[in-house]
């Protein structure tokens, strides 16, 4: 479900991260997982908007992704080497390198999203399936 909802969005999640998220969301509906992923996709935007410091990094050129450039700016901690005090409004749009979605983004979103299905509902569905389920 997580891979499906992430689609082609750049992220740094590993297979182990996805498995951990699956364990942590047992009992969540597909819609619940969709909400978690959608919120986590906004986390990099929030990082950019709330950043007080940016640093120069290397990445693909905004005009030609096949060319690497070393003058892009990405949000960072004030203590990072090369950190420059500025807000996202000070960063030229063609120089902004947004962070990719990472595991901490997912966990932050998971912490604020509760499942809409409870254990009692799951038992009712299981009983219904046992009583009226389709035969293969």
N, C-alpha and C. Protein backbone atom coordinates (compact mmCIF):
# COMPACT_ATOMS: atom_id res chain seq x y z
N UNK A 1 0.82 -1.20 0.00
CA UNK A 1 0.00 0.00 0.00
C UNK A 1 0.87 1.26 0.00
N UNK A 2 1.94 1.23 0.79
CA UNK A 2 2.80 2.42 0.86
C UNK A 2 3.44 2.70 -0.50
N UNK A 3 3.95 1.66 -1.15
CA UNK A 3 4.57 1.84 -2.47
C UNK A 3 3.54 2.37 -3.48
N UNK A 4 2.34 1.84 -3.42
CA UNK A 4 1.28 2.26 -4.34
C UNK A 4 1.00 3.75 -4.17
N UNK A 5 0.86 4.20 -2.93
CA UNK A 5 0.51 5.59 -2.69
C UNK A 5 1.69 6.54 -2.91
N UNK A 6 2.92 6.05 -2.74
CA UNK A 6 4.09 6.88 -3.02
C UNK A 6 4.24 7.11 -4.52
N UNK A 7 3.85 6.12 -5.30
CA UNK A 7 3.96 6.24 -6.76
C UNK A 7 5.38 6.54 -7.19
N UNK A 8 5.56 7.54 -8.03
CA UNK A 8 6.89 7.88 -8.55
C UNK A 8 7.55 9.01 -7.75
N UNK A 9 6.98 9.35 -6.61
CA UNK A 9 7.54 10.42 -5.77
C UNK A 9 8.93 10.02 -5.27
N UNK A 10 9.92 10.88 -5.42
CA UNK A 10 11.25 10.56 -4.90
C UNK A 10 11.21 10.37 -3.38
N UNK A 11 11.85 9.30 -2.92
CA UNK A 11 11.91 9.02 -1.48
C UNK A 11 13.17 8.22 -1.18
N UNK A 12 13.49 8.13 0.10
CA UNK A 12 14.67 7.37 0.51
C UNK A 12 14.29 6.15 1.34
N UNK A 13 13.05 5.70 1.23
CA UNK A 13 12.59 4.55 2.01
C UNK A 13 13.19 3.26 1.46
N UNK A 14 13.65 2.42 2.37
CA UNK A 14 14.19 1.12 2.00
C UNK A 14 13.09 0.07 2.13
N UNK A 15 13.36 -1.14 1.64
CA UNK A 15 12.40 -2.24 1.81
C UNK A 15 12.14 -2.48 3.29
N UNK A 16 13.19 -2.39 4.11
CA UNK A 16 13.04 -2.58 5.56
C UNK A 16 12.14 -1.50 6.15
N UNK A 17 12.27 -0.26 5.67
CA UNK A 17 11.40 0.83 6.14
C UNK A 17 9.94 0.52 5.81
N UNK A 18 9.69 0.07 4.59
CA UNK A 18 8.33 -0.24 4.16
C UNK A 18 7.75 -1.36 5.02
N UNK A 19 8.56 -2.38 5.30
CA UNK A 19 8.10 -3.49 6.14
C UNK A 19 7.80 -3.01 7.55
N UNK A 20 8.64 -2.12 8.08
CA UNK A 20 8.39 -1.57 9.41
C UNK A 20 7.09 -0.77 9.43
N UNK A 21 6.87 0.04 8.40
CA UNK A 21 5.63 0.81 8.31
C UNK A 21 4.42 -0.12 8.23
N UNK A 22 4.56 -1.21 7.48
CA UNK A 22 3.46 -2.18 7.38
C UNK A 22 3.14 -2.77 8.75
N UNK A 23 4.17 -3.10 9.52
CA UNK A 23 3.94 -3.63 10.88
C UNK A 23 3.26 -2.60 11.77
N UNK A 24 3.73 -1.36 11.67
CA UNK A 24 3.19 -0.31 12.54
C UNK A 24 1.76 0.09 12.17
N UNK A 25 1.33 -0.26 10.96
CA UNK A 25 -0.01 0.14 10.52
C UNK A 25 -0.95 -1.05 10.39
N UNK A 26 -0.64 -2.14 11.05
CA UNK A 26 -1.55 -3.28 11.03
C UNK A 26 -2.89 -2.83 11.62
N UNK A 27 -3.96 -3.14 10.94
CA UNK A 27 -5.28 -2.71 11.39
C UNK A 27 -5.73 -1.39 10.78
N UNK A 28 -4.84 -0.72 10.06
CA UNK A 28 -5.20 0.52 9.37
C UNK A 28 -5.86 0.15 8.04
N UNK A 29 -6.80 0.94 7.60
CA UNK A 29 -7.43 0.71 6.30
C UNK A 29 -6.55 1.28 5.19
N UNK A 30 -6.88 0.93 3.96
CA UNK A 30 -6.16 1.50 2.82
C UNK A 30 -6.28 3.01 2.78
N UNK A 31 -7.47 3.51 3.15
CA UNK A 31 -7.68 4.96 3.19
C UNK A 31 -6.81 5.61 4.27
N UNK A 32 -6.67 4.93 5.42
CA UNK A 32 -5.82 5.45 6.50
C UNK A 32 -4.37 5.57 6.02
N UNK A 33 -3.90 4.54 5.32
CA UNK A 33 -2.52 4.55 4.82
C UNK A 33 -2.35 5.64 3.77
N UNK A 34 -3.37 5.82 2.95
CA UNK A 34 -3.33 6.90 1.96
C UNK A 34 -3.17 8.26 2.64
N UNK A 35 -3.86 8.46 3.75
CA UNK A 35 -3.77 9.72 4.49
C UNK A 35 -2.36 9.90 5.05
N UNK A 36 -1.79 8.83 5.59
CA UNK A 36 -0.43 8.89 6.14
C UNK A 36 0.56 9.29 5.05
N UNK A 37 0.47 8.62 3.90
CA UNK A 37 1.40 8.91 2.80
C UNK A 37 1.20 10.33 2.29
N UNK A 38 -0.05 10.73 2.11
CA UNK A 38 -0.32 12.08 1.61
C UNK A 38 0.26 13.14 2.56
N UNK A 39 0.11 12.92 3.87
CA UNK A 39 0.66 13.86 4.83
C UNK A 39 2.19 13.84 4.78
N UNK A 40 2.77 12.65 4.66
CA UNK A 40 4.24 12.55 4.61
C UNK A 40 4.81 13.21 3.35
N UNK A 41 4.04 13.22 2.27
CA UNK A 41 4.50 13.89 1.05
C UNK A 41 4.57 15.40 1.24
N UNK A 42 3.84 15.91 2.20
CA UNK A 42 3.87 17.35 2.49
C UNK A 42 4.99 17.71 3.47
N UNK A 43 5.58 16.74 4.14
CA UNK A 43 6.62 17.02 5.13
C UNK A 43 7.82 17.77 4.52
N UNK A 44 8.32 17.38 3.33
CA UNK A 44 9.43 18.16 2.75
C UNK A 44 9.05 19.62 2.49
N UNK A 45 7.81 19.85 2.08
CA UNK A 45 7.36 21.23 1.86
C UNK A 45 7.39 22.00 3.19
N UNK A 46 6.92 21.34 4.24
CA UNK A 46 6.93 21.98 5.56
C UNK A 46 8.36 22.27 6.01
N UNK A 47 9.29 21.35 5.71
CA UNK A 47 10.70 21.57 6.07
C UNK A 47 11.23 22.82 5.37
N UNK A 48 10.91 22.95 4.09
CA UNK A 48 11.37 24.11 3.33
C UNK A 48 10.77 25.39 3.91
N UNK A 49 9.47 25.37 4.18
CA UNK A 49 8.79 26.57 4.66
C UNK A 49 9.23 26.99 6.06
N UNK A 50 9.59 26.03 6.90
CA UNK A 50 9.96 26.38 8.28
C UNK A 50 11.47 26.54 8.47
N UNK A 51 12.26 26.25 7.44
CA UNK A 51 13.72 26.32 7.57
C UNK A 51 14.19 27.75 7.82
N UNK A 52 15.19 27.84 8.70
CA UNK A 52 15.83 29.14 8.95
C UNK A 52 17.22 29.18 8.34
N UNK A 53 17.70 28.01 7.89
CA UNK A 53 19.03 27.91 7.28
C UNK A 53 18.99 26.97 6.09
N UNK A 54 19.81 27.27 5.11
CA UNK A 54 19.96 26.44 3.92
C UNK A 54 21.45 26.27 3.66
N UNK A 55 21.80 25.18 2.96
CA UNK A 55 23.20 24.97 2.58
C UNK A 55 23.26 24.56 1.12
N UNK A 56 24.43 24.84 0.51
CA UNK A 56 24.65 24.47 -0.88
C UNK A 56 24.89 22.97 -0.97
N UNK A 57 24.26 22.36 -1.98
CA UNK A 57 24.42 20.94 -2.23
C UNK A 57 24.51 20.70 -3.73
N UNK A 58 24.95 19.51 -4.07
CA UNK A 58 25.05 19.10 -5.46
C UNK A 58 23.79 18.32 -5.82
N UNK A 59 23.28 18.54 -7.01
CA UNK A 59 22.09 17.83 -7.46
C UNK A 59 21.83 18.11 -8.93
N UNK A 60 20.78 17.49 -9.47
CA UNK A 60 20.47 17.69 -10.89
C UNK A 60 19.98 19.11 -11.15
N UNK A 61 20.45 19.66 -12.25
CA UNK A 61 20.03 21.00 -12.66
C UNK A 61 18.53 21.03 -12.88
N UNK A 62 17.89 22.13 -12.52
CA UNK A 62 16.44 22.26 -12.70
C UNK A 62 16.09 22.40 -14.18
N UNK A 63 17.01 22.94 -14.98
CA UNK A 63 16.73 23.13 -16.40
C UNK A 63 17.06 21.89 -17.22
N UNK A 64 18.06 21.10 -16.77
CA UNK A 64 18.43 19.88 -17.47
C UNK A 64 18.83 18.83 -16.43
N UNK A 65 17.94 17.89 -16.11
CA UNK A 65 18.21 16.89 -15.07
C UNK A 65 19.41 16.00 -15.35
N UNK A 66 19.91 16.01 -16.58
CA UNK A 66 21.08 15.19 -16.92
C UNK A 66 22.39 15.86 -16.52
N UNK A 67 22.31 17.13 -16.13
CA UNK A 67 23.50 17.88 -15.73
C UNK A 67 23.47 18.08 -14.22
N UNK A 68 24.59 17.78 -13.56
CA UNK A 68 24.70 17.99 -12.11
C UNK A 68 25.26 19.38 -11.86
N UNK A 69 24.70 20.04 -10.85
CA UNK A 69 25.15 21.37 -10.48
C UNK A 69 25.44 21.39 -8.98
N UNK A 70 26.35 22.24 -8.55
CA UNK A 70 26.73 22.25 -7.13
C UNK A 70 26.29 23.53 -6.42
N UNK A 71 25.30 24.22 -6.97
CA UNK A 71 24.88 25.47 -6.35
C UNK A 71 23.41 25.46 -5.93
N UNK A 72 22.88 24.25 -5.69
CA UNK A 72 21.50 24.16 -5.21
C UNK A 72 21.46 24.39 -3.70
N UNK A 73 20.32 24.79 -3.19
CA UNK A 73 20.16 25.05 -1.76
C UNK A 73 19.08 24.15 -1.20
N UNK A 74 19.36 23.56 -0.04
CA UNK A 74 18.40 22.69 0.63
C UNK A 74 18.33 23.06 2.11
N UNK A 75 17.19 22.86 2.76
CA UNK A 75 17.08 23.20 4.18
C UNK A 75 18.06 22.39 5.02
N UNK A 76 18.55 23.00 6.09
CA UNK A 76 19.48 22.32 6.98
C UNK A 76 19.35 22.88 8.39
N UNK A 77 20.04 22.25 9.32
CA UNK A 77 20.10 22.74 10.69
C UNK A 77 21.06 23.91 10.76
N UNK A 78 20.84 24.83 11.70
CA UNK A 78 21.76 25.97 11.83
C UNK A 78 23.21 25.54 12.07
N UNK A 79 23.42 24.38 12.69
CA UNK A 79 24.77 23.92 12.99
C UNK A 79 25.45 23.14 11.88
N UNK A 80 24.75 22.90 10.78
CA UNK A 80 25.36 22.17 9.67
C UNK A 80 26.50 22.97 9.06
N UNK A 81 27.58 22.29 8.65
CA UNK A 81 28.66 23.01 7.96
C UNK A 81 28.12 23.66 6.69
N UNK A 82 28.43 24.91 6.50
CA UNK A 82 27.98 25.63 5.32
C UNK A 82 26.58 26.20 5.44
N UNK A 83 25.97 26.10 6.62
CA UNK A 83 24.61 26.62 6.80
C UNK A 83 24.59 28.14 6.65
N UNK A 84 23.63 28.61 5.86
CA UNK A 84 23.47 30.06 5.66
C UNK A 84 22.08 30.44 6.17
N UNK A 85 22.03 31.48 6.99
CA UNK A 85 20.74 31.91 7.53
C UNK A 85 19.93 32.58 6.42
N UNK A 86 18.77 32.00 6.14
CA UNK A 86 17.85 32.52 5.13
C UNK A 86 16.54 31.77 5.24
N UNK A 87 15.50 32.31 4.65
CA UNK A 87 14.22 31.61 4.58
C UNK A 87 14.03 31.13 3.15
N UNK A 88 13.00 30.33 2.95
CA UNK A 88 12.76 29.81 1.60
C UNK A 88 12.42 30.93 0.62
N UNK A 89 11.94 32.04 1.14
CA UNK A 89 11.63 33.18 0.27
C UNK A 89 12.91 33.81 -0.30
N UNK A 90 14.05 33.60 0.37
CA UNK A 90 15.33 34.14 -0.09
C UNK A 90 16.00 33.24 -1.13
N UNK A 91 15.50 32.02 -1.28
CA UNK A 91 16.12 31.05 -2.18
C UNK A 91 15.52 31.19 -3.58
N UNK A 92 16.35 31.43 -4.59
CA UNK A 92 15.82 31.48 -5.96
C UNK A 92 15.13 30.15 -6.30
N UNK A 93 13.97 30.20 -6.92
CA UNK A 93 13.20 28.97 -7.17
C UNK A 93 13.96 27.94 -7.99
N UNK A 94 14.84 28.40 -8.87
CA UNK A 94 15.59 27.44 -9.69
C UNK A 94 16.79 26.86 -8.94
N UNK A 95 17.01 27.29 -7.70
CA UNK A 95 18.14 26.79 -6.91
C UNK A 95 17.68 25.94 -5.72
N UNK A 96 16.37 25.79 -5.53
CA UNK A 96 15.85 25.05 -4.39
C UNK A 96 15.85 23.55 -4.67
N UNK A 97 16.49 22.79 -3.81
CA UNK A 97 16.45 21.33 -3.88
C UNK A 97 15.63 20.85 -2.69
N UNK A 98 14.39 20.46 -2.97
CA UNK A 98 13.50 20.01 -1.90
C UNK A 98 14.00 18.68 -1.36
N UNK A 99 13.89 18.48 -0.04
CA UNK A 99 14.26 17.18 0.52
C UNK A 99 13.31 16.10 -0.01
N UNK A 100 13.81 14.88 -0.12
CA UNK A 100 12.94 13.77 -0.52
C UNK A 100 12.24 13.23 0.73
N UNK A 101 11.14 12.53 0.52
CA UNK A 101 10.41 11.92 1.62
C UNK A 101 11.29 10.83 2.24
N UNK A 102 11.37 10.84 3.56
CA UNK A 102 12.21 9.86 4.26
C UNK A 102 11.40 9.17 5.36
N UNK A 103 12.01 8.21 6.02
CA UNK A 103 11.32 7.44 7.05
C UNK A 103 10.83 8.33 8.18
N UNK A 104 11.61 9.32 8.58
CA UNK A 104 11.17 10.18 9.68
C UNK A 104 9.91 10.96 9.29
N UNK A 105 9.76 11.30 8.00
CA UNK A 105 8.54 11.95 7.53
C UNK A 105 7.34 11.02 7.71
N UNK A 106 7.53 9.76 7.33
CA UNK A 106 6.45 8.78 7.47
C UNK A 106 6.08 8.59 8.94
N UNK A 107 7.09 8.46 9.79
CA UNK A 107 6.83 8.23 11.22
C UNK A 107 6.14 9.45 11.85
N UNK A 108 6.53 10.64 11.43
CA UNK A 108 5.88 11.85 11.94
C UNK A 108 4.40 11.87 11.54
N UNK A 109 4.12 11.51 10.30
CA UNK A 109 2.73 11.47 9.84
C UNK A 109 1.95 10.34 10.51
N UNK A 110 2.60 9.22 10.71
CA UNK A 110 1.96 8.09 11.38
C UNK A 110 1.58 8.45 12.81
N UNK A 111 2.42 9.22 13.47
CA UNK A 111 2.17 9.60 14.87
C UNK A 111 0.93 10.46 15.02
N UNK A 112 0.53 11.14 13.95
CA UNK A 112 -0.63 12.04 14.04
C UNK A 112 -1.87 11.48 13.34
N UNK A 113 -1.78 10.26 12.83
CA UNK A 113 -2.91 9.65 12.11
C UNK A 113 -3.34 8.38 12.83
N UNK A 114 -4.56 8.37 13.29
CA UNK A 114 -5.11 7.19 13.98
C UNK A 114 -5.91 6.35 12.98
N UNK A 115 -5.96 5.03 13.21
CA UNK A 115 -6.77 4.19 12.31
C UNK A 115 -8.25 4.49 12.47
N UNK A 116 -8.98 4.43 11.37
CA UNK A 116 -10.43 4.68 11.44
C UNK A 116 -11.20 3.39 11.70
N UNK A 117 -10.52 2.26 11.61
CA UNK A 117 -11.14 0.97 11.85
C UNK A 117 -10.63 0.46 13.20
N UNK A 118 -11.56 0.01 14.07
CA UNK A 118 -11.12 -0.52 15.36
C UNK A 118 -11.18 -2.04 15.36
N UNK A 119 -10.69 -2.65 16.42
CA UNK A 119 -10.62 -4.11 16.52
C UNK A 119 -12.00 -4.74 16.41
N UNK A 120 -13.01 -4.10 16.98
CA UNK A 120 -14.37 -4.63 16.93
C UNK A 120 -14.87 -4.69 15.48
N UNK A 121 -14.58 -3.65 14.71
CA UNK A 121 -14.98 -3.63 13.30
C UNK A 121 -14.30 -4.77 12.54
N UNK A 122 -13.02 -4.99 12.82
CA UNK A 122 -12.27 -6.05 12.13
C UNK A 122 -12.86 -7.42 12.46
N UNK A 123 -13.28 -7.63 13.71
CA UNK A 123 -13.89 -8.90 14.09
C UNK A 123 -15.22 -9.11 13.36
N UNK A 124 -16.00 -8.04 13.20
CA UNK A 124 -17.26 -8.13 12.48
C UNK A 124 -17.03 -8.51 11.02
N UNK A 125 -16.04 -7.92 10.40
CA UNK A 125 -15.72 -8.24 9.00
C UNK A 125 -15.26 -9.68 8.89
N UNK A 126 -14.43 -10.12 9.82
CA UNK A 126 -13.94 -11.50 9.80
C UNK A 126 -15.10 -12.47 9.95
N UNK A 127 -16.00 -12.22 10.89
CA UNK A 127 -17.15 -13.09 11.10
C UNK A 127 -18.04 -13.10 9.86
N UNK A 128 -18.28 -11.94 9.28
CA UNK A 128 -19.09 -11.86 8.07
C UNK A 128 -18.47 -12.70 6.96
N UNK A 129 -17.15 -12.58 6.81
CA UNK A 129 -16.45 -13.34 5.76
C UNK A 129 -16.56 -14.83 6.01
N UNK A 130 -16.47 -15.23 7.28
CA UNK A 130 -16.59 -16.65 7.61
C UNK A 130 -18.00 -17.16 7.34
N UNK A 131 -19.01 -16.33 7.66
CA UNK A 131 -20.40 -16.75 7.50
C UNK A 131 -20.87 -16.67 6.05
N UNK A 132 -20.47 -15.62 5.34
CA UNK A 132 -21.01 -15.37 4.01
C UNK A 132 -19.95 -15.23 2.93
N UNK A 133 -18.70 -15.53 3.26
CA UNK A 133 -17.60 -15.33 2.32
C UNK A 133 -17.76 -16.13 1.05
N UNK A 134 -17.11 -15.69 0.01
CA UNK A 134 -17.17 -16.37 -1.27
C UNK A 134 -16.26 -17.58 -1.26
N UNK A 135 -16.69 -18.62 -1.96
CA UNK A 135 -15.83 -19.78 -2.14
C UNK A 135 -15.00 -19.57 -3.39
N UNK A 136 -13.77 -20.13 -3.38
CA UNK A 136 -12.91 -19.91 -4.54
C UNK A 136 -13.18 -20.86 -5.63
